[in-house]
Amino acid sequence: MTTSIDPVDPSAPLDAIGPHTVEIGPWRQRLILFQRVAGGFMIFKGLTHWMFLLGFGDGVSSQFLREPIDVQAATVFFAVIDLVAGVALWLGSTWGAMLWLLAAGLQIFADIGLLELSGFAVLLTIIEVLLVAGYVIIRFMVHTETEWR
């Protein structure tokens, strides 16, 4: 014997597991929105690396080819990793956040230890550090919200 689910009557008994049985708290909703914002930023950042790599409008950039090999390697690495992390964050995957934190740490290391800093790269790195700090705070609030339930 099965019971029918009435989609019009929310008080009807539910036998199935699905999105209607999952409760999403306000901090979890904020985390989802925040991950979309951070993902969009990472996609933008990855595209800026690709613009430098490909020489936006000029074909292969002679500026990129004149850079030292460590700068070229870092540019290619971040062009790929930032886009992958950005798409994964946008889709809300857990491994996307971990990849993003890894990429942010490596970006800070590369900016301090390997690369010459320019104004735009410093601005992007500062924004990324602020986004990571915001992510940690919101993630903690989600954890606290889950503990209280």
N, C-alpha and C. Protein backbone atom coordinates (compact mmCIF):
# COMPACT_ATOMS: atom_id res chain seq x y z
N MET A 1 0.84 -1.16 0.00
CA MET A 1 0.00 0.00 0.00
C MET A 1 0.89 1.23 0.00
N THR A 2 0.67 2.14 -0.93
CA THR A 2 1.44 3.38 -1.00
C THR A 2 0.53 4.55 -0.72
N THR A 3 1.13 5.58 -0.15
CA THR A 3 0.37 6.80 0.07
C THR A 3 0.71 7.79 -1.02
N SER A 4 -0.28 8.51 -1.47
CA SER A 4 -0.03 9.48 -2.53
C SER A 4 0.43 10.80 -1.92
N ILE A 5 1.24 11.51 -2.69
CA ILE A 5 1.76 12.81 -2.26
C ILE A 5 0.97 13.88 -2.98
N ASP A 6 0.37 14.76 -2.21
CA ASP A 6 -0.41 15.84 -2.78
C ASP A 6 0.47 17.08 -2.84
N PRO A 7 0.92 17.52 -4.05
CA PRO A 7 1.80 18.68 -4.12
C PRO A 7 1.10 19.98 -3.74
N VAL A 8 -0.21 20.00 -3.76
CA VAL A 8 -0.94 21.21 -3.41
C VAL A 8 -1.04 21.36 -1.89
N ASP A 9 -1.19 20.22 -1.19
CA ASP A 9 -1.36 20.25 0.25
C ASP A 9 -0.03 19.95 0.94
N PRO A 10 0.65 20.97 1.50
CA PRO A 10 1.95 20.72 2.13
C PRO A 10 1.87 19.89 3.40
N SER A 11 0.70 19.76 3.97
CA SER A 11 0.58 18.97 5.20
C SER A 11 0.40 17.48 4.90
N ALA A 12 0.30 17.14 3.64
CA ALA A 12 0.14 15.73 3.26
C ALA A 12 1.42 14.97 3.61
N PRO A 13 1.32 13.70 3.98
CA PRO A 13 2.53 12.93 4.33
C PRO A 13 3.42 12.74 3.10
N LEU A 14 4.72 12.83 3.35
CA LEU A 14 5.69 12.66 2.28
C LEU A 14 6.42 11.34 2.48
N ASP A 15 6.45 10.54 1.45
CA ASP A 15 7.14 9.27 1.51
C ASP A 15 8.47 9.30 0.78
N ALA A 16 8.66 10.29 -0.07
CA ALA A 16 9.85 10.33 -0.91
C ALA A 16 10.90 11.25 -0.31
N ILE A 17 12.13 10.98 -0.66
CA ILE A 17 13.24 11.84 -0.27
C ILE A 17 13.54 12.71 -1.47
N GLY A 18 13.70 14.00 -1.24
CA GLY A 18 13.98 14.92 -2.33
C GLY A 18 14.21 16.31 -1.80
N PRO A 19 14.26 17.29 -2.70
CA PRO A 19 14.54 18.66 -2.29
C PRO A 19 13.52 19.22 -1.31
N HIS A 20 12.29 18.74 -1.37
CA HIS A 20 11.27 19.25 -0.47
C HIS A 20 11.46 18.76 0.96
N THR A 21 12.31 17.77 1.17
CA THR A 21 12.55 17.27 2.52
C THR A 21 13.81 17.84 3.16
N VAL A 22 14.55 18.65 2.41
CA VAL A 22 15.80 19.22 2.90
C VAL A 22 15.54 20.63 3.41
N GLU A 23 16.01 20.89 4.62
CA GLU A 23 15.88 22.21 5.20
C GLU A 23 17.19 22.96 5.00
N ILE A 24 17.13 24.12 4.40
CA ILE A 24 18.33 24.93 4.19
C ILE A 24 18.19 26.17 5.04
N GLY A 25 19.13 26.32 5.98
CA GLY A 25 19.10 27.45 6.89
C GLY A 25 19.57 28.73 6.21
N PRO A 26 19.39 29.85 6.88
CA PRO A 26 19.78 31.13 6.28
C PRO A 26 21.29 31.27 6.03
N TRP A 27 22.12 30.72 6.91
CA TRP A 27 23.56 30.82 6.68
C TRP A 27 24.02 29.92 5.54
N ARG A 28 23.37 28.78 5.38
CA ARG A 28 23.69 27.91 4.24
C ARG A 28 23.31 28.61 2.93
N GLN A 29 22.17 29.31 2.92
CA GLN A 29 21.78 30.06 1.72
C GLN A 29 22.79 31.17 1.42
N ARG A 30 23.26 31.82 2.48
CA ARG A 30 24.29 32.85 2.28
C ARG A 30 25.58 32.25 1.75
N LEU A 31 25.92 31.06 2.23
CA LEU A 31 27.13 30.39 1.75
C LEU A 31 27.01 30.05 0.26
N ILE A 32 25.86 29.58 -0.15
CA ILE A 32 25.64 29.26 -1.56
C ILE A 32 25.80 30.52 -2.42
N LEU A 33 25.19 31.61 -1.99
CA LEU A 33 25.32 32.87 -2.72
C LEU A 33 26.77 33.36 -2.72
N PHE A 34 27.44 33.24 -1.58
CA PHE A 34 28.83 33.68 -1.49
C PHE A 34 29.72 32.85 -2.42
N GLN A 35 29.46 31.55 -2.50
CA GLN A 35 30.26 30.71 -3.39
C GLN A 35 30.04 31.11 -4.85
N ARG A 36 28.84 31.54 -5.19
CA ARG A 36 28.60 32.02 -6.55
C ARG A 36 29.41 33.30 -6.82
N VAL A 37 29.43 34.21 -5.86
CA VAL A 37 30.20 35.45 -6.03
C VAL A 37 31.69 35.13 -6.15
N ALA A 38 32.20 34.29 -5.26
CA ALA A 38 33.62 33.91 -5.30
C ALA A 38 33.94 33.16 -6.59
N GLY A 39 33.03 32.31 -7.03
CA GLY A 39 33.24 31.59 -8.30
C GLY A 39 33.29 32.54 -9.48
N GLY A 40 32.41 33.53 -9.49
CA GLY A 40 32.44 34.52 -10.56
C GLY A 40 33.74 35.31 -10.55
N PHE A 41 34.22 35.66 -9.36
CA PHE A 41 35.50 36.36 -9.26
C PHE A 41 36.63 35.49 -9.79
N MET A 42 36.64 34.21 -9.42
CA MET A 42 37.72 33.32 -9.88
C MET A 42 37.66 33.11 -11.39
N ILE A 43 36.47 33.03 -11.95
CA ILE A 43 36.36 32.92 -13.41
C ILE A 43 36.92 34.18 -14.07
N PHE A 44 36.56 35.35 -13.53
CA PHE A 44 37.11 36.60 -14.05
C PHE A 44 38.64 36.62 -13.94
N LYS A 45 39.15 36.19 -12.79
CA LYS A 45 40.61 36.18 -12.57
C LYS A 45 41.30 35.22 -13.54
N GLY A 46 40.70 34.04 -13.73
CA GLY A 46 41.27 33.10 -14.69
C GLY A 46 41.27 33.65 -16.11
N LEU A 47 40.21 34.36 -16.48
CA LEU A 47 40.15 34.95 -17.82
C LEU A 47 41.17 36.06 -18.00
N THR A 48 41.48 36.80 -16.92
CA THR A 48 42.53 37.82 -17.03
C THR A 48 43.90 37.17 -17.28
N HIS A 49 44.13 36.01 -16.67
CA HIS A 49 45.38 35.29 -16.94
C HIS A 49 45.41 34.84 -18.40
N TRP A 50 44.29 34.36 -18.91
CA TRP A 50 44.23 33.94 -20.31
C TRP A 50 44.41 35.13 -21.26
N MET A 51 43.88 36.29 -20.89
CA MET A 51 44.07 37.48 -21.73
C MET A 51 45.55 37.85 -21.82
N PHE A 52 46.25 37.76 -20.69
CA PHE A 52 47.68 38.05 -20.70
C PHE A 52 48.43 36.98 -21.49
N LEU A 53 48.03 35.74 -21.31
CA LEU A 53 48.69 34.62 -21.99
C LEU A 53 48.54 34.70 -23.50
N LEU A 54 47.34 35.00 -23.96
CA LEU A 54 47.06 35.01 -25.39
C LEU A 54 47.25 36.38 -26.03
N GLY A 55 47.50 37.40 -25.25
CA GLY A 55 47.71 38.73 -25.81
C GLY A 55 46.43 39.31 -26.36
N PHE A 56 45.51 39.60 -25.53
CA PHE A 56 44.17 40.11 -25.83
C PHE A 56 44.14 40.92 -27.13
N GLY A 57 43.74 40.30 -28.22
CA GLY A 57 43.59 40.97 -29.51
C GLY A 57 44.81 40.92 -30.40
N ASP A 58 45.98 40.51 -29.92
CA ASP A 58 47.22 40.53 -30.71
C ASP A 58 47.68 39.15 -31.16
N GLY A 59 46.97 38.11 -30.86
CA GLY A 59 47.51 36.78 -31.06
C GLY A 59 48.36 36.44 -29.85
N VAL A 60 49.36 35.60 -30.01
CA VAL A 60 50.22 35.24 -28.88
C VAL A 60 50.98 36.48 -28.44
N SER A 61 50.93 36.74 -27.16
CA SER A 61 51.48 37.98 -26.62
C SER A 61 53.00 37.95 -26.62
N SER A 62 53.58 38.97 -27.24
CA SER A 62 55.04 39.08 -27.19
C SER A 62 55.47 39.46 -25.77
N GLN A 63 54.59 40.17 -25.03
CA GLN A 63 54.89 40.50 -23.63
C GLN A 63 55.02 39.22 -22.81
N PHE A 64 54.11 38.27 -23.02
CA PHE A 64 54.15 37.00 -22.28
C PHE A 64 55.43 36.24 -22.62
N LEU A 65 55.82 36.23 -23.89
CA LEU A 65 57.02 35.49 -24.30
C LEU A 65 58.30 36.14 -23.77
N ARG A 66 58.27 37.43 -23.45
CA ARG A 66 59.45 38.10 -22.90
C ARG A 66 59.59 37.92 -21.40
N GLU A 67 58.56 37.39 -20.76
CA GLU A 67 58.61 37.18 -19.31
C GLU A 67 59.53 36.02 -18.97
N PRO A 68 60.09 36.01 -17.74
CA PRO A 68 60.90 34.86 -17.30
C PRO A 68 60.06 33.59 -17.25
N ILE A 69 60.72 32.47 -17.28
CA ILE A 69 60.02 31.18 -17.35
C ILE A 69 59.15 30.93 -16.12
N ASP A 70 59.56 31.42 -14.93
CA ASP A 70 58.72 31.21 -13.75
C ASP A 70 57.42 32.00 -13.84
N VAL A 71 57.47 33.19 -14.43
CA VAL A 71 56.25 33.98 -14.61
C VAL A 71 55.35 33.31 -15.65
N GLN A 72 55.93 32.79 -16.71
CA GLN A 72 55.14 32.08 -17.72
C GLN A 72 54.46 30.85 -17.12
N ALA A 73 55.21 30.09 -16.34
CA ALA A 73 54.64 28.88 -15.72
C ALA A 73 53.52 29.24 -14.76
N ALA A 74 53.73 30.26 -13.94
CA ALA A 74 52.70 30.68 -12.99
C ALA A 74 51.46 31.18 -13.72
N THR A 75 51.63 31.90 -14.79
CA THR A 75 50.49 32.42 -15.55
C THR A 75 49.67 31.28 -16.14
N VAL A 76 50.33 30.30 -16.73
CA VAL A 76 49.61 29.15 -17.29
C VAL A 76 48.92 28.36 -16.19
N PHE A 77 49.62 28.14 -15.07
CA PHE A 77 49.03 27.39 -13.96
C PHE A 77 47.77 28.08 -13.45
N PHE A 78 47.87 29.39 -13.18
CA PHE A 78 46.71 30.10 -12.63
C PHE A 78 45.62 30.31 -13.67
N ALA A 79 45.96 30.35 -14.94
CA ALA A 79 44.93 30.45 -15.97
C ALA A 79 44.03 29.21 -15.95
N VAL A 80 44.61 28.07 -15.68
CA VAL A 80 43.83 26.82 -15.64
C VAL A 80 43.16 26.65 -14.28
N ILE A 81 43.92 26.75 -13.19
CA ILE A 81 43.40 26.43 -11.86
C ILE A 81 42.33 27.42 -11.42
N ASP A 82 42.46 28.70 -11.79
CA ASP A 82 41.44 29.67 -11.39
C ASP A 82 40.11 29.41 -12.08
N LEU A 83 40.15 29.03 -13.35
CA LEU A 83 38.90 28.72 -14.04
C LEU A 83 38.24 27.46 -13.49
N VAL A 84 39.03 26.44 -13.22
CA VAL A 84 38.47 25.20 -12.67
C VAL A 84 37.88 25.47 -11.29
N ALA A 85 38.60 26.17 -10.44
CA ALA A 85 38.09 26.49 -9.11
C ALA A 85 36.85 27.38 -9.19
N GLY A 86 36.84 28.32 -10.12
CA GLY A 86 35.70 29.21 -10.27
C GLY A 86 34.44 28.48 -10.69
N VAL A 87 34.55 27.59 -11.64
CA VAL A 87 33.38 26.82 -12.08
C VAL A 87 32.91 25.89 -10.97
N ALA A 88 33.84 25.26 -10.27
CA ALA A 88 33.47 24.36 -9.17
C ALA A 88 32.80 25.14 -8.03
N LEU A 89 33.29 26.34 -7.73
CA LEU A 89 32.64 27.17 -6.71
C LEU A 89 31.24 27.57 -7.16
N TRP A 90 31.12 27.96 -8.41
CA TRP A 90 29.82 28.38 -8.93
C TRP A 90 28.80 27.25 -8.82
N LEU A 91 29.24 26.04 -9.07
CA LEU A 91 28.34 24.89 -8.99
C LEU A 91 28.12 24.42 -7.56
N GLY A 92 28.87 24.95 -6.60
CA GLY A 92 28.66 24.65 -5.19
C GLY A 92 29.31 23.37 -4.70
N SER A 93 30.32 22.89 -5.39
CA SER A 93 30.96 21.64 -4.95
C SER A 93 31.92 21.90 -3.80
N THR A 94 32.04 20.91 -2.93
CA THR A 94 32.94 21.03 -1.79
C THR A 94 34.39 21.04 -2.24
N TRP A 95 34.74 20.21 -3.20
CA TRP A 95 36.13 20.17 -3.66
C TRP A 95 36.51 21.48 -4.36
N GLY A 96 35.52 22.20 -4.87
CA GLY A 96 35.81 23.50 -5.48
C GLY A 96 36.31 24.50 -4.46
N ALA A 97 35.72 24.47 -3.27
CA ALA A 97 36.18 25.37 -2.21
C ALA A 97 37.60 25.00 -1.78
N MET A 98 37.89 23.73 -1.69
CA MET A 98 39.24 23.31 -1.30
C MET A 98 40.25 23.68 -2.39
N LEU A 99 39.88 23.51 -3.64
CA LEU A 99 40.76 23.90 -4.74
C LEU A 99 40.98 25.41 -4.74
N TRP A 100 39.92 26.15 -4.43
CA TRP A 100 40.02 27.61 -4.37
C TRP A 100 40.97 28.03 -3.24
N LEU A 101 40.86 27.41 -2.07
CA LEU A 101 41.75 27.76 -0.96
C LEU A 101 43.20 27.43 -1.30
N LEU A 102 43.41 26.30 -1.96
CA LEU A 102 44.76 25.94 -2.41
C LEU A 102 45.29 26.96 -3.41
N ALA A 103 44.46 27.32 -4.40
CA ALA A 103 44.88 28.30 -5.41
C ALA A 103 45.15 29.66 -4.79
N ALA A 104 44.34 30.06 -3.81
CA ALA A 104 44.55 31.35 -3.15
C ALA A 104 45.88 31.35 -2.38
N GLY A 105 46.16 30.27 -1.67
CA GLY A 105 47.43 30.18 -0.95
C GLY A 105 48.62 30.20 -1.90
N LEU A 106 48.51 29.48 -3.01
CA LEU A 106 49.60 29.47 -3.99
C LEU A 106 49.75 30.83 -4.67
N GLN A 107 48.62 31.53 -4.87
CA GLN A 107 48.69 32.87 -5.46
C GLN A 107 49.43 33.83 -4.55
N ILE A 108 49.14 33.75 -3.26
CA ILE A 108 49.84 34.61 -2.29
C ILE A 108 51.33 34.28 -2.27
N PHE A 109 51.65 32.99 -2.25
CA PHE A 109 53.05 32.56 -2.27
C PHE A 109 53.74 33.05 -3.54
N ALA A 110 53.08 32.91 -4.68
CA ALA A 110 53.68 33.33 -5.95
C ALA A 110 53.87 34.85 -5.99
N ASP A 111 52.89 35.58 -5.48
CA ASP A 111 53.01 37.04 -5.48
C ASP A 111 54.15 37.52 -4.58
N ILE A 112 54.32 36.88 -3.44
CA ILE A 112 55.35 37.31 -2.50
C ILE A 112 56.72 36.79 -2.91
N GLY A 113 56.78 35.51 -3.29
CA GLY A 113 58.08 34.90 -3.49
C GLY A 113 58.62 34.87 -4.90
N LEU A 114 57.75 34.83 -5.90
CA LEU A 114 58.25 34.57 -7.24
C LEU A 114 58.07 35.72 -8.23
N LEU A 115 56.92 36.35 -8.19
CA LEU A 115 56.58 37.27 -9.26
C LEU A 115 56.78 38.72 -8.85
N GLU A 116 57.02 39.54 -9.85
CA GLU A 116 57.03 40.98 -9.61
C GLU A 116 55.59 41.44 -9.53
N LEU A 117 55.31 42.23 -8.52
CA LEU A 117 53.93 42.66 -8.30
C LEU A 117 53.62 43.88 -9.15
N SER A 118 52.43 43.85 -9.75
CA SER A 118 51.92 45.03 -10.43
C SER A 118 50.64 45.45 -9.73
N GLY A 119 50.15 46.61 -10.03
CA GLY A 119 48.99 47.15 -9.34
C GLY A 119 47.76 46.28 -9.47
N PHE A 120 47.47 45.78 -10.67
CA PHE A 120 46.26 44.99 -10.89
C PHE A 120 46.36 43.63 -10.21
N ALA A 121 47.54 43.00 -10.25
CA ALA A 121 47.72 41.70 -9.60
C ALA A 121 47.59 41.83 -8.09
N VAL A 122 48.09 42.91 -7.52
CA VAL A 122 47.97 43.14 -6.08
C VAL A 122 46.50 43.32 -5.71
N LEU A 123 45.77 44.09 -6.51
CA LEU A 123 44.35 44.30 -6.25
C LEU A 123 43.58 42.98 -6.28
N LEU A 124 43.83 42.15 -7.29
CA LEU A 124 43.15 40.85 -7.38
C LEU A 124 43.50 39.96 -6.19
N THR A 125 44.75 39.97 -5.76
CA THR A 125 45.17 39.15 -4.63
C THR A 125 44.53 39.64 -3.34
N ILE A 126 44.45 40.94 -3.15
CA ILE A 126 43.81 41.49 -1.94
C ILE A 126 42.32 41.12 -1.92
N ILE A 127 41.65 41.25 -3.05
CA ILE A 127 40.24 40.86 -3.12
C ILE A 127 40.08 39.38 -2.81
N GLU A 128 40.98 38.57 -3.34
CA GLU A 128 40.89 37.13 -3.10
C GLU A 128 41.10 36.79 -1.62
N VAL A 129 42.04 37.45 -0.97
CA VAL A 129 42.26 37.23 0.47
C VAL A 129 41.02 37.63 1.27
N LEU A 130 40.40 38.74 0.92
CA LEU A 130 39.17 39.15 1.60
C LEU A 130 38.04 38.15 1.36
N LEU A 131 37.94 37.62 0.15
CA LEU A 131 36.92 36.62 -0.13
C LEU A 131 37.16 35.33 0.67
N VAL A 132 38.42 34.93 0.78
CA VAL A 132 38.74 33.73 1.58
C VAL A 132 38.38 33.96 3.04
N ALA A 133 38.69 35.13 3.57
CA ALA A 133 38.33 35.44 4.96
C ALA A 133 36.82 35.41 5.14
N GLY A 134 36.09 35.98 4.20
CA GLY A 134 34.63 35.94 4.25
C GLY A 134 34.09 34.52 4.18
N TYR A 135 34.72 33.69 3.34
CA TYR A 135 34.29 32.30 3.22
C TYR A 135 34.48 31.56 4.54
N VAL A 136 35.62 31.77 5.18
CA VAL A 136 35.89 31.09 6.45
C VAL A 136 34.86 31.49 7.50
N ILE A 137 34.53 32.77 7.56
CA ILE A 137 33.54 33.24 8.54
C ILE A 137 32.16 32.66 8.26
N ILE A 138 31.73 32.70 7.00
CA ILE A 138 30.40 32.17 6.66
C ILE A 138 30.36 30.66 6.86
N ARG A 139 31.44 29.98 6.51
CA ARG A 139 31.49 28.53 6.71
C ARG A 139 31.38 28.18 8.20
N PHE A 140 32.03 28.96 9.05
CA PHE A 140 31.92 28.76 10.50
C PHE A 140 30.49 28.98 10.96
N MET A 141 29.83 30.00 10.43
CA MET A 141 28.44 30.27 10.81
C MET A 141 27.51 29.14 10.35
N VAL A 142 27.78 28.56 9.20
CA VAL A 142 26.99 27.41 8.73
C VAL A 142 27.19 26.24 9.68
N HIS A 143 28.42 26.02 10.09
CA HIS A 143 28.70 24.93 11.03
C HIS A 143 27.99 25.16 12.35
N THR A 144 28.01 26.41 12.85
CA THR A 144 27.32 26.75 14.09
C THR A 144 25.82 26.57 13.94
N GLU A 145 25.28 26.96 12.80
CA GLU A 145 23.85 26.81 12.53
C GLU A 145 23.45 25.34 12.50
N THR A 146 24.30 24.50 11.94
CA THR A 146 24.01 23.07 11.88
C THR A 146 24.07 22.45 13.26
N GLU A 147 25.00 22.90 14.10
CA GLU A 147 25.12 22.36 15.46
C GLU A 147 23.90 22.69 16.29
N TRP A 148 23.27 23.82 16.08
CA TRP A 148 22.12 24.24 16.88
C TRP A 148 20.86 23.48 16.51
N ARG A 149 20.81 22.85 15.36
CA ARG A 149 19.59 22.14 14.93
C ARG A 149 19.48 20.80 15.57
